Amino acid sequence: MRLEGKVALVTGSSQGIGQGIVVRLAQEGADVVINYRSHPEGAEETLAKVQATGGRCYMAQRSKSQGYTIQADLGNVNEIRQLIAESIAYFGKLDILVNNAGLEKHAPFWEVTEADYDAIMNVNLKGVFFTTQAFVQHLIATQRSGKIINISSVHEELSFPNFTAYCASKGGMKMLTRNLAVELGSFGITINNVAPGAIETPINIKLLNDPQKLSALLRNIPLGRLGQPQDVASLVAFLASSDAGYVTGSTFFVDGGLLWNYQEQ
């Protein structure tokens, strides 16, 4: 198993892509920290799937139900620091950070509220910045190398009308990754983006239940299908491993060819 002896924190891992990543990293031998903000039932489901692999898991939630737990809103820097500190206290260290938590809100640009803008930026960019900072501080203090994998989106490159704040946050993540690849390289810390396209997750339930919209989307995907969380998780597992030791500052698209074939309907 490629990640035996490693400890990974995956933010926003109570469902969808984050859940898939946690399970795959556990299958690769990593001990994992599950983080969620508002779906405790999903966190319990993720925990059960990890336990089924035989892996050790720390479930992040506020109430004590199974083991030590803490809830963390990635838009709140104090809660970010608490999440990192308690994860380290539980497992003794962190080796891998997957910044997966994210928000999106549909609205024409001229109707976007300050509250919605702040909510998206606080989680998608500010949260990634300060979670990564706390993780890096831990690695530097313990004089160890580490892996950072950001879950970005094809929309760090591809325009997405009515989701301008979301696109701006993912564009910011792209530049954050490139800059930190340079700044952190001397510490042996790598950082990369994984940019999913259309993935079959709960966030896309309306699309999945609309045959006309789904058919139009599939015509834009050369591979002719939606992605699955495991498609993303497989790449994350590679980037988290020593097999990707010379890979940093890059974005890897997991989109079935969507980015290069997309046409707005």
C-alpha atoms as a PDB file:
ATOM      1  CA  MET A   1       0.000   0.000   0.000  1.00  0.00           C
ATOM      2  CA  ARG A   2       1.536   3.289  -1.158  1.00  0.00           C
ATOM      3  CA  LEU A   3       0.465   5.408   1.818  1.00  0.00           C
ATOM      4  CA  GLU A   4       1.222   3.039   4.687  1.00  0.00           C
ATOM      5  CA  GLY A   5       2.244   5.052   7.756  1.00  0.00           C
ATOM      6  CA  LYS A   6       0.949   8.355   6.371  1.00  0.00           C
ATOM      7  CA  VAL A   7      -1.772  10.538   7.891  1.00  0.00           C
ATOM      8  CA  ALA A   8      -4.105  12.480   5.599  1.00  0.00           C
ATOM      9  CA  LEU A   9      -6.633  15.213   6.303  1.00  0.00           C
ATOM     10  CA  VAL A  10      -9.383  15.609   3.705  1.00  0.00           C
ATOM     11  CA  THR A  11     -11.593  18.656   4.165  1.00  0.00           C
ATOM     12  CA  GLY A  12     -15.265  18.481   3.216  1.00  0.00           C
ATOM     13  CA  SER A  13     -15.234  14.687   3.211  1.00  0.00           C
ATOM     14  CA  SER A  14     -18.756  13.830   4.339  1.00  0.00           C
ATOM     15  CA  GLN A  15     -20.006  13.140   0.809  1.00  0.00           C
ATOM     16  CA  GLY A  16     -19.235  13.130  -2.894  1.00  0.00           C
ATOM     17  CA  ILE A  17     -15.659  13.620  -4.064  1.00  0.00           C
ATOM     18  CA  GLY A  18     -14.290  14.150  -0.543  1.00  0.00           C
ATOM     19  CA  GLN A  19     -15.788  10.916   0.695  1.00  0.00           C
ATOM     20  CA  GLY A  20     -14.372   9.049  -2.287  1.00  0.00           C
ATOM     21  CA  ILE A  21     -10.921  10.481  -1.601  1.00  0.00           C
ATOM     22  CA  VAL A  22     -10.961   9.513   2.074  1.00  0.00           C
ATOM     23  CA  VAL A  23     -11.934   5.937   1.264  1.00  0.00           C
ATOM     24  CA  ARG A  24      -9.277   5.599  -1.440  1.00  0.00           C
ATOM     25  CA  LEU A  25      -6.506   7.010   0.771  1.00  0.00           C
ATOM     26  CA  ALA A  26      -7.528   4.590   3.521  1.00  0.00           C
ATOM     27  CA  GLN A  27      -7.392   1.729   1.013  1.00  0.00           C
ATOM     28  CA  GLU A  28      -3.847   2.853   0.195  1.00  0.00           C
ATOM     29  CA  GLY A  29      -2.931   2.475   3.869  1.00  0.00           C
ATOM     30  CA  ALA A  30      -3.230   6.051   5.156  1.00  0.00           C
ATOM     31  CA  ASP A  31      -4.813   7.005   8.442  1.00  0.00           C
ATOM     32  CA  VAL A  32      -7.425   9.634   7.623  1.00  0.00           C
ATOM     33  CA  VAL A  33      -9.147  12.607   9.203  1.00  0.00           C
ATOM     34  CA  ILE A  34     -12.741  13.194   8.082  1.00  0.00           C
ATOM     35  CA  ASN A  35     -13.902  16.805   8.151  1.00  0.00           C
ATOM     36  CA  TYR A  36     -17.420  18.106   7.684  1.00  0.00           C
ATOM     37  CA  ARG A  37     -19.293  21.321   8.338  1.00  0.00           C
ATOM     38  CA  SER A  38     -23.018  20.539   8.248  1.00  0.00           C
ATOM     39  CA  HIS A  39     -23.606  16.865   7.333  1.00  0.00           C
ATOM     40  CA  PRO A  40     -22.885  14.660  10.369  1.00  0.00           C
ATOM     41  CA  GLU A  41     -24.812  11.772   8.839  1.00  0.00           C
ATOM     42  CA  GLY A  42     -22.532  11.886   5.813  1.00  0.00           C
ATOM     43  CA  ALA A  43     -19.456  11.912   8.037  1.00  0.00           C
ATOM     44  CA  GLU A  44     -20.780   8.810   9.782  1.00  0.00           C
ATOM     45  CA  GLU A  45     -21.237   7.143   6.397  1.00  0.00           C
ATOM     46  CA  THR A  46     -17.681   8.035   5.396  1.00  0.00           C
ATOM     47  CA  LEU A  47     -16.403   6.700   8.713  1.00  0.00           C
ATOM     48  CA  ALA A  48     -18.213   3.394   8.166  1.00  0.00           C
ATOM     49  CA  LYS A  49     -16.711   3.039   4.683  1.00  0.00           C
ATOM     50  CA  VAL A  50     -13.213   3.700   6.017  1.00  0.00           C
ATOM     51  CA  GLN A  51     -13.688   1.204   8.820  1.00  0.00           C
ATOM     52  CA  ALA A  52     -14.791  -1.357   6.243  1.00  0.00           C
ATOM     53  CA  THR A  53     -11.350  -1.024   4.637  1.00  0.00           C
ATOM     54  CA  GLY A  54      -9.723  -1.751   7.981  1.00  0.00           C
ATOM     55  CA  GLY A  55      -8.322   1.772   8.140  1.00  0.00           C
ATOM     56  CA  ARG A  56      -7.971   4.040  11.168  1.00  0.00           C
ATOM     57  CA  CYS A  57     -10.011   7.184  11.067  1.00  0.00           C
ATOM     58  CA  TYR A  58     -10.557  10.392  12.979  1.00  0.00           C
ATOM     59  CA  MET A  59     -14.026  11.825  12.317  1.00  0.00           C
ATOM     60  CA  ALA A  60     -14.156  15.594  12.628  1.00  0.00           C
ATOM     61  CA  GLN A  61     -17.337  16.720  14.329  1.00  0.00           C
ATOM     62  CA  ARG A  62     -18.146  18.708  17.472  1.00  0.00           C
ATOM     63  CA  SER A  63     -20.050  16.128  19.573  1.00  0.00           C
ATOM     64  CA  LYS A  64     -18.244  13.046  20.876  1.00  0.00           C
ATOM     65  CA  SER A  65     -19.889  10.005  19.290  1.00  0.00           C
ATOM     66  CA  GLN A  66     -17.065   7.837  17.957  1.00  0.00           C
ATOM     67  CA  GLY A  67     -13.621   8.813  19.142  1.00  0.00           C
ATOM     68  CA  TYR A  68     -12.286  12.322  19.395  1.00  0.00           C
ATOM     69  CA  THR A  69     -14.298  14.670  17.217  1.00  0.00           C
ATOM     70  CA  ILE A  70     -14.345  18.283  16.082  1.00  0.00           C
ATOM     71  CA  GLN A  71     -16.431  20.190  13.588  1.00  0.00           C
ATOM     72  CA  ALA A  72     -14.630  22.700  11.382  1.00  0.00           C
ATOM     73  CA  ASP A  73     -16.047  25.419   9.162  1.00  0.00           C
ATOM     74  CA  LEU A  74     -13.284  26.056   6.623  1.00  0.00           C
ATOM     75  CA  GLY A  75     -14.419  29.661   6.298  1.00  0.00           C
ATOM     76  CA  ASN A  76     -13.328  30.313   9.894  1.00  0.00           C
ATOM     77  CA  VAL A  77      -9.583  30.569  10.537  1.00  0.00           C
ATOM     78  CA  ASN A  78      -9.870  29.740  14.251  1.00  0.00           C
ATOM     79  CA  GLU A  79     -11.747  26.534  13.425  1.00  0.00           C
ATOM     80  CA  ILE A  80      -9.168  25.680  10.763  1.00  0.00           C
ATOM     81  CA  ARG A  81      -6.370  25.945  13.309  1.00  0.00           C
ATOM     82  CA  GLN A  82      -8.347  23.842  15.765  1.00  0.00           C
ATOM     83  CA  LEU A  83      -8.922  21.172  13.118  1.00  0.00           C
ATOM     84  CA  ILE A  84      -5.207  20.955  12.286  1.00  0.00           C
ATOM     85  CA  ALA A  85      -4.156  20.972  15.950  1.00  0.00           C
ATOM     86  CA  GLU A  86      -6.573  18.255  17.020  1.00  0.00           C
ATOM     87  CA  SER A  87      -5.805  16.101  13.990  1.00  0.00           C
ATOM     88  CA  ILE A  88      -2.120  16.235  14.934  1.00  0.00           C
ATOM     89  CA  ALA A  89      -2.926  15.576  18.597  1.00  0.00           C
ATOM     90  CA  TYR A  90      -4.903  12.462  17.652  1.00  0.00           C
ATOM     91  CA  PHE A  91      -2.525  10.859  15.151  1.00  0.00           C
ATOM     92  CA  GLY A  92       0.719  12.558  16.194  1.00  0.00           C
ATOM     93  CA  LYS A  93       1.331  14.139  12.791  1.00  0.00           C
ATOM     94  CA  LEU A  94      -0.068  15.041   9.392  1.00  0.00           C
ATOM     95  CA  ASP A  95       1.618  14.129   6.099  1.00  0.00           C
ATOM     96  CA  ILE A  96      -1.028  14.835   3.457  1.00  0.00           C
ATOM     97  CA  LEU A  97      -3.558  17.646   3.116  1.00  0.00           C
ATOM     98  CA  VAL A  98      -6.386  17.468   0.599  1.00  0.00           C
ATOM     99  CA  ASN A  99      -8.213  20.801   0.329  1.00  0.00           C
ATOM    100  CA  ASN A 100     -11.553  19.540  -0.955  1.00  0.00           C
ATOM    101  CA  ALA A 101     -14.205  21.620   0.836  1.00  0.00           C
ATOM    102  CA  GLY A 102     -15.930  24.075  -1.483  1.00  0.00           C
ATOM    103  CA  LEU A 103     -19.066  26.090  -2.155  1.00  0.00           C
ATOM    104  CA  GLU A 104     -20.836  27.314  -5.272  1.00  0.00           C
ATOM    105  CA  LYS A 105     -23.932  29.463  -5.704  1.00  0.00           C
ATOM    106  CA  HIS A 106     -25.894  30.110  -8.893  1.00  0.00           C
ATOM    107  CA  ALA A 107     -26.704  33.751  -9.624  1.00  0.00           C
ATOM    108  CA  PRO A 108     -26.281  36.235 -12.476  1.00  0.00           C
ATOM    109  CA  PHE A 109     -23.273  38.441 -11.780  1.00  0.00           C
ATOM    110  CA  TRP A 110     -25.441  41.532 -11.257  1.00  0.00           C
ATOM    111  CA  GLU A 111     -27.454  39.755  -8.549  1.00  0.00           C
ATOM    112  CA  VAL A 112     -24.606  38.260  -6.490  1.00  0.00           C
ATOM    113  CA  THR A 113     -24.831  39.429  -2.882  1.00  0.00           C
ATOM    114  CA  GLU A 114     -21.885  40.340  -0.697  1.00  0.00           C
ATOM    115  CA  ALA A 115     -22.873  37.554   1.686  1.00  0.00           C
ATOM    116  CA  ASP A 116     -22.809  34.936  -1.071  1.00  0.00           C
ATOM    117  CA  TYR A 117     -19.501  36.248  -2.430  1.00  0.00           C
ATOM    118  CA  ASP A 118     -17.935  36.153   1.035  1.00  0.00           C
ATOM    119  CA  ALA A 119     -19.247  32.646   1.733  1.00  0.00           C
ATOM    120  CA  ILE A 120     -17.709  31.283  -1.466  1.00  0.00           C
ATOM    121  CA  MET A 121     -14.365  33.053  -1.098  1.00  0.00           C
ATOM    122  CA  ASN A 122     -14.063  32.259   2.603  1.00  0.00           C
ATOM    123  CA  VAL A 123     -14.270  28.514   2.006  1.00  0.00           C
ATOM    124  CA  ASN A 124     -12.857  28.108  -1.511  1.00  0.00           C
ATOM    125  CA  LEU A 125      -9.852  30.428  -1.258  1.00  0.00           C
ATOM    126  CA  LYS A 126      -9.324  31.910   2.202  1.00  0.00           C
ATOM    127  CA  GLY A 127     -10.023  28.519   3.778  1.00  0.00           C
ATOM    128  CA  VAL A 128      -7.569  26.770   1.465  1.00  0.00           C
ATOM    129  CA  PHE A 129      -4.938  29.448   2.143  1.00  0.00           C
ATOM    130  CA  PHE A 130      -5.075  29.173   5.928  1.00  0.00           C
ATOM    131  CA  THR A 131      -5.585  25.406   6.118  1.00  0.00           C
ATOM    132  CA  THR A 132      -2.506  25.013   3.946  1.00  0.00           C
ATOM    133  CA  GLN A 133      -0.625  27.545   6.065  1.00  0.00           C
ATOM    134  CA  ALA A 134      -1.363  25.663   9.302  1.00  0.00           C
ATOM    135  CA  PHE A 135      -0.367  22.369   7.668  1.00  0.00           C
ATOM    136  CA  VAL A 136       2.886  23.828   6.327  1.00  0.00           C
ATOM    137  CA  GLN A 137       3.726  25.332   9.724  1.00  0.00           C
ATOM    138  CA  HIS A 138       3.409  21.837  11.203  1.00  0.00           C
ATOM    139  CA  LEU A 139       5.680  20.325   8.552  1.00  0.00           C
ATOM    140  CA  ILE A 140       8.338  23.010   8.952  1.00  0.00           C
ATOM    141  CA  ALA A 141       8.246  22.746  12.748  1.00  0.00           C
ATOM    142  CA  THR A 142       8.735  18.969  12.547  1.00  0.00           C
ATOM    143  CA  GLN A 143      11.239  19.231   9.664  1.00  0.00           C
ATOM    144  CA  ARG A 144       9.315  16.863   7.411  1.00  0.00           C
ATOM    145  CA  SER A 145       8.214  16.886   3.787  1.00  0.00           C
ATOM    146  CA  GLY A 146       4.552  16.653   2.829  1.00  0.00           C
ATOM    147  CA  LYS A 147       1.924  16.618   0.120  1.00  0.00           C
ATOM    148  CA  ILE A 148      -0.807  19.162  -0.586  1.00  0.00           C
ATOM    149  CA  ILE A 149      -3.533  18.371  -3.119  1.00  0.00           C
ATOM    150  CA  ASN A 150      -6.170  20.991  -3.889  1.00  0.00           C
ATOM    151  CA  ILE A 151      -9.473  19.973  -5.438  1.00  0.00           C
ATOM    152  CA  SER A 152      -9.954  22.755  -7.933  1.00  0.00           C
ATOM    153  CA  SER A 153     -12.257  22.611 -10.977  1.00  0.00           C
ATOM    154  CA  VAL A 154     -12.204  22.854 -14.751  1.00  0.00           C
ATOM    155  CA  HIS A 155     -13.547  26.324 -13.962  1.00  0.00           C
ATOM    156  CA  GLU A 156     -10.105  27.514 -12.952  1.00  0.00           C
ATOM    157  CA  GLU A 157      -9.770  27.679 -16.772  1.00  0.00           C
ATOM    158  CA  LEU A 158     -13.276  27.394 -18.200  1.00  0.00           C
ATOM    159  CA  SER A 159     -15.821  30.214 -17.952  1.00  0.00           C
ATOM    160  CA  PHE A 160     -19.075  29.300 -16.190  1.00  0.00           C
ATOM    161  CA  PRO A 161     -21.810  31.949 -16.570  1.00  0.00           C
ATOM    162  CA  ASN A 162     -23.803  32.634 -13.396  1.00  0.00           C
ATOM    163  CA  PHE A 163     -21.003  31.231 -11.207  1.00  0.00           C
ATOM    164  CA  THR A 164     -18.506  34.097 -11.430  1.00  0.00           C
ATOM    165  CA  ALA A 165     -17.511  34.128  -7.754  1.00  0.00           C
ATOM    166  CA  TYR A 166     -16.902  30.380  -7.862  1.00  0.00           C
ATOM    167  CA  CYS A 167     -14.738  30.692 -10.980  1.00  0.00           C
ATOM    168  CA  ALA A 168     -12.764  33.531  -9.393  1.00  0.00           C
ATOM    169  CA  SER A 169     -12.086  31.387  -6.324  1.00  0.00           C
ATOM    170  CA  LYS A 170     -10.809  28.499  -8.441  1.00  0.00           C
ATOM    171  CA  GLY A 171      -8.684  30.835 -10.549  1.00  0.00           C
ATOM    172  CA  GLY A 172      -7.162  32.111  -7.322  1.00  0.00           C
ATOM    173  CA  MET A 173      -6.488  28.542  -6.231  1.00  0.00           C
ATOM    174  CA  LYS A 174      -4.581  27.913  -9.462  1.00  0.00           C
ATOM    175  CA  MET A 175      -2.225  30.846  -8.804  1.00  0.00           C
ATOM    176  CA  LEU A 176      -1.905  29.943  -5.115  1.00  0.00           C
ATOM    177  CA  THR A 177      -0.756  26.468  -6.144  1.00  0.00           C
ATOM    178  CA  ARG A 178       1.800  27.743  -8.653  1.00  0.00           C
ATOM    179  CA  ASN A 179       3.242  30.234  -6.190  1.00  0.00           C
ATOM    180  CA  LEU A 180       3.477  27.781  -3.302  1.00  0.00           C
ATOM    181  CA  ALA A 181       5.138  25.167  -5.500  1.00  0.00           C
ATOM    182  CA  VAL A 182       8.042  27.618  -5.782  1.00  0.00           C
ATOM    183  CA  GLU A 183       7.955  28.847  -2.193  1.00  0.00           C
ATOM    184  CA  LEU A 184       7.646  25.435  -0.534  1.00  0.00           C
ATOM    185  CA  GLY A 185       9.842  23.349  -2.805  1.00  0.00           C
ATOM    186  CA  SER A 186      12.965  23.790  -0.698  1.00  0.00           C
ATOM    187  CA  PHE A 187      11.124  22.200   2.242  1.00  0.00           C
ATOM    188  CA  GLY A 188      10.300  19.094   0.221  1.00  0.00           C
ATOM    189  CA  ILE A 189       6.615  20.031   0.159  1.00  0.00           C
ATOM    190  CA  THR A 190       4.740  19.505  -3.098  1.00  0.00           C
ATOM    191  CA  ILE A 191       1.415  21.055  -4.056  1.00  0.00           C
ATOM    192  CA  ASN A 192      -0.840  20.282  -7.013  1.00  0.00           C
ATOM    193  CA  ASN A 193      -4.400  20.845  -8.189  1.00  0.00           C
ATOM    194  CA  VAL A 194      -6.837  18.183  -9.301  1.00  0.00           C
ATOM    195  CA  ALA A 195      -9.536  19.821 -11.422  1.00  0.00           C
ATOM    196  CA  PRO A 196     -12.695  17.731 -11.845  1.00  0.00           C
ATOM    197  CA  GLY A 197     -15.250  18.313 -14.562  1.00  0.00           C
ATOM    198  CA  ALA A 198     -18.794  16.949 -14.299  1.00  0.00           C
ATOM    199  CA  ILE A 199     -18.723  14.377 -11.486  1.00  0.00           C
ATOM    200  CA  GLU A 200     -21.739  12.370 -10.360  1.00  0.00           C
ATOM    201  CA  THR A 201     -22.212  13.602  -6.783  1.00  0.00           C
ATOM    202  CA  PRO A 202     -25.118  14.816  -4.603  1.00  0.00           C
ATOM    203  CA  ILE A 203     -24.406  18.434  -5.601  1.00  0.00           C
ATOM    204  CA  ASN A 204     -25.486  17.528  -9.166  1.00  0.00           C
ATOM    205  CA  ILE A 205     -28.762  15.837  -8.238  1.00  0.00           C
ATOM    206  CA  LYS A 206     -30.888  18.347 -10.181  1.00  0.00           C
ATOM    207  CA  LEU A 207     -28.810  17.781 -13.299  1.00  0.00           C
ATOM    208  CA  LEU A 208     -29.052  14.011 -12.925  1.00  0.00           C
ATOM    209  CA  ASN A 209     -32.831  14.282 -12.751  1.00  0.00           C
ATOM    210  CA  ASP A 210     -33.101  16.496 -15.858  1.00  0.00           C
ATOM    211  CA  PRO A 211     -32.648  14.243 -18.932  1.00  0.00           C
ATOM    212  CA  GLN A 212     -32.493  17.167 -21.363  1.00  0.00           C
ATOM    213  CA  LYS A 213     -29.733  19.032 -19.511  1.00  0.00           C
ATOM    214  CA  LEU A 214     -27.851  15.836 -18.783  1.00  0.00           C
ATOM    215  CA  SER A 215     -27.934  14.817 -22.448  1.00  0.00           C
ATOM    216  CA  ALA A 216     -26.639  18.248 -23.511  1.00  0.00           C
ATOM    217  CA  LEU A 217     -23.781  18.004 -21.038  1.00  0.00           C
ATOM    218  CA  LEU A 218     -22.809  14.494 -22.101  1.00  0.00           C
ATOM    219  CA  ARG A 219     -22.512  15.689 -25.709  1.00  0.00           C
ATOM    220  CA  ASN A 220     -19.729  17.986 -24.473  1.00  0.00           C
ATOM    221  CA  ILE A 221     -17.784  15.145 -22.863  1.00  0.00           C
ATOM    222  CA  PRO A 222     -15.719  13.144 -25.379  1.00  0.00           C
ATOM    223  CA  LEU A 223     -15.683  10.077 -23.112  1.00  0.00           C
ATOM    224  CA  GLY A 224     -19.485  10.202 -23.073  1.00  0.00           C
ATOM    225  CA  ARG A 225     -20.108   9.819 -19.341  1.00  0.00           C
ATOM    226  CA  LEU A 226     -20.050  11.706 -16.070  1.00  0.00           C
ATOM    227  CA  GLY A 227     -17.052  11.160 -13.858  1.00  0.00           C
ATOM    228  CA  GLN A 228     -17.269   9.256 -10.589  1.00  0.00           C
ATOM    229  CA  PRO A 229     -15.686  10.259  -7.249  1.00  0.00           C
ATOM    230  CA  GLN A 230     -13.251   7.366  -7.615  1.00  0.00           C
ATOM    231  CA  ASP A 231     -11.954   8.875 -10.871  1.00  0.00           C
ATOM    232  CA  VAL A 232     -10.793  11.881  -8.866  1.00  0.00           C
ATOM    233  CA  ALA A 233      -9.687   9.842  -5.852  1.00  0.00           C
ATOM    234  CA  SER A 234      -7.362   7.672  -7.935  1.00  0.00           C
ATOM    235  CA  LEU A 235      -5.383  10.704  -9.102  1.00  0.00           C
ATOM    236  CA  VAL A 236      -5.287  12.161  -5.589  1.00  0.00           C
ATOM    237  CA  ALA A 237      -3.854   8.873  -4.292  1.00  0.00           C
ATOM    238  CA  PHE A 238      -1.090   9.055  -6.894  1.00  0.00           C
ATOM    239  CA  LEU A 239      -0.238  12.688  -6.088  1.00  0.00           C
ATOM    240  CA  ALA A 240      -0.198  11.879  -2.367  1.00  0.00           C
ATOM    241  CA  SER A 241       2.296   9.056  -2.872  1.00  0.00           C
ATOM    242  CA  SER A 242       6.055   8.945  -3.392  1.00  0.00           C
ATOM    243  CA  ASP A 243       5.335   8.012  -7.031  1.00  0.00           C
ATOM    244  CA  ALA A 244       4.597  11.724  -7.571  1.00  0.00           C
ATOM    245  CA  GLY A 245       7.634  12.963  -5.686  1.00  0.00           C
ATOM    246  CA  TYR A 246       8.845  15.144  -8.588  1.00  0.00           C
ATOM    247  CA  VAL A 247       5.425  16.580  -9.448  1.00  0.00           C
ATOM    248  CA  THR A 248       4.514  20.039  -8.138  1.00  0.00           C
ATOM    249  CA  GLY A 249       2.792  23.248  -9.238  1.00  0.00           C
ATOM    250  CA  SER A 250       0.556  21.500 -11.770  1.00  0.00           C
ATOM    251  CA  THR A 251      -3.148  21.134 -12.470  1.00  0.00           C
ATOM    252  CA  PHE A 252      -4.495  17.769 -13.571  1.00  0.00           C
ATOM    253  CA  PHE A 253      -7.914  17.788 -15.245  1.00  0.00           C
ATOM    254  CA  VAL A 254     -10.262  14.889 -14.535  1.00  0.00           C
ATOM    255  CA  ASP A 255     -13.073  15.741 -16.929  1.00  0.00           C
ATOM    256  CA  GLY A 256     -13.355  13.156 -19.715  1.00  0.00           C
ATOM    257  CA  GLY A 257     -12.109  15.787 -22.171  1.00  0.00           C
ATOM    258  CA  LEU A 258     -14.820  18.331 -21.284  1.00  0.00           C
ATOM    259  CA  LEU A 259     -12.503  21.345 -20.992  1.00  0.00           C
ATOM    260  CA  TRP A 260     -11.282  21.162 -24.581  1.00  0.00           C
ATOM    261  CA  ASN A 261     -14.681  20.335 -26.077  1.00  0.00           C
ATOM    262  CA  TYR A 262     -17.129  22.474 -24.081  1.00  0.00           C
ATOM    263  CA  GLN A 263     -19.674  24.703 -25.824  1.00  0.00           C
ATOM    264  CA  GLU A 264     -22.206  26.699 -23.835  1.00  0.00           C
ATOM    265  CA  GLN A 265     -25.731  25.543 -24.729  1.00  0.00           C
END
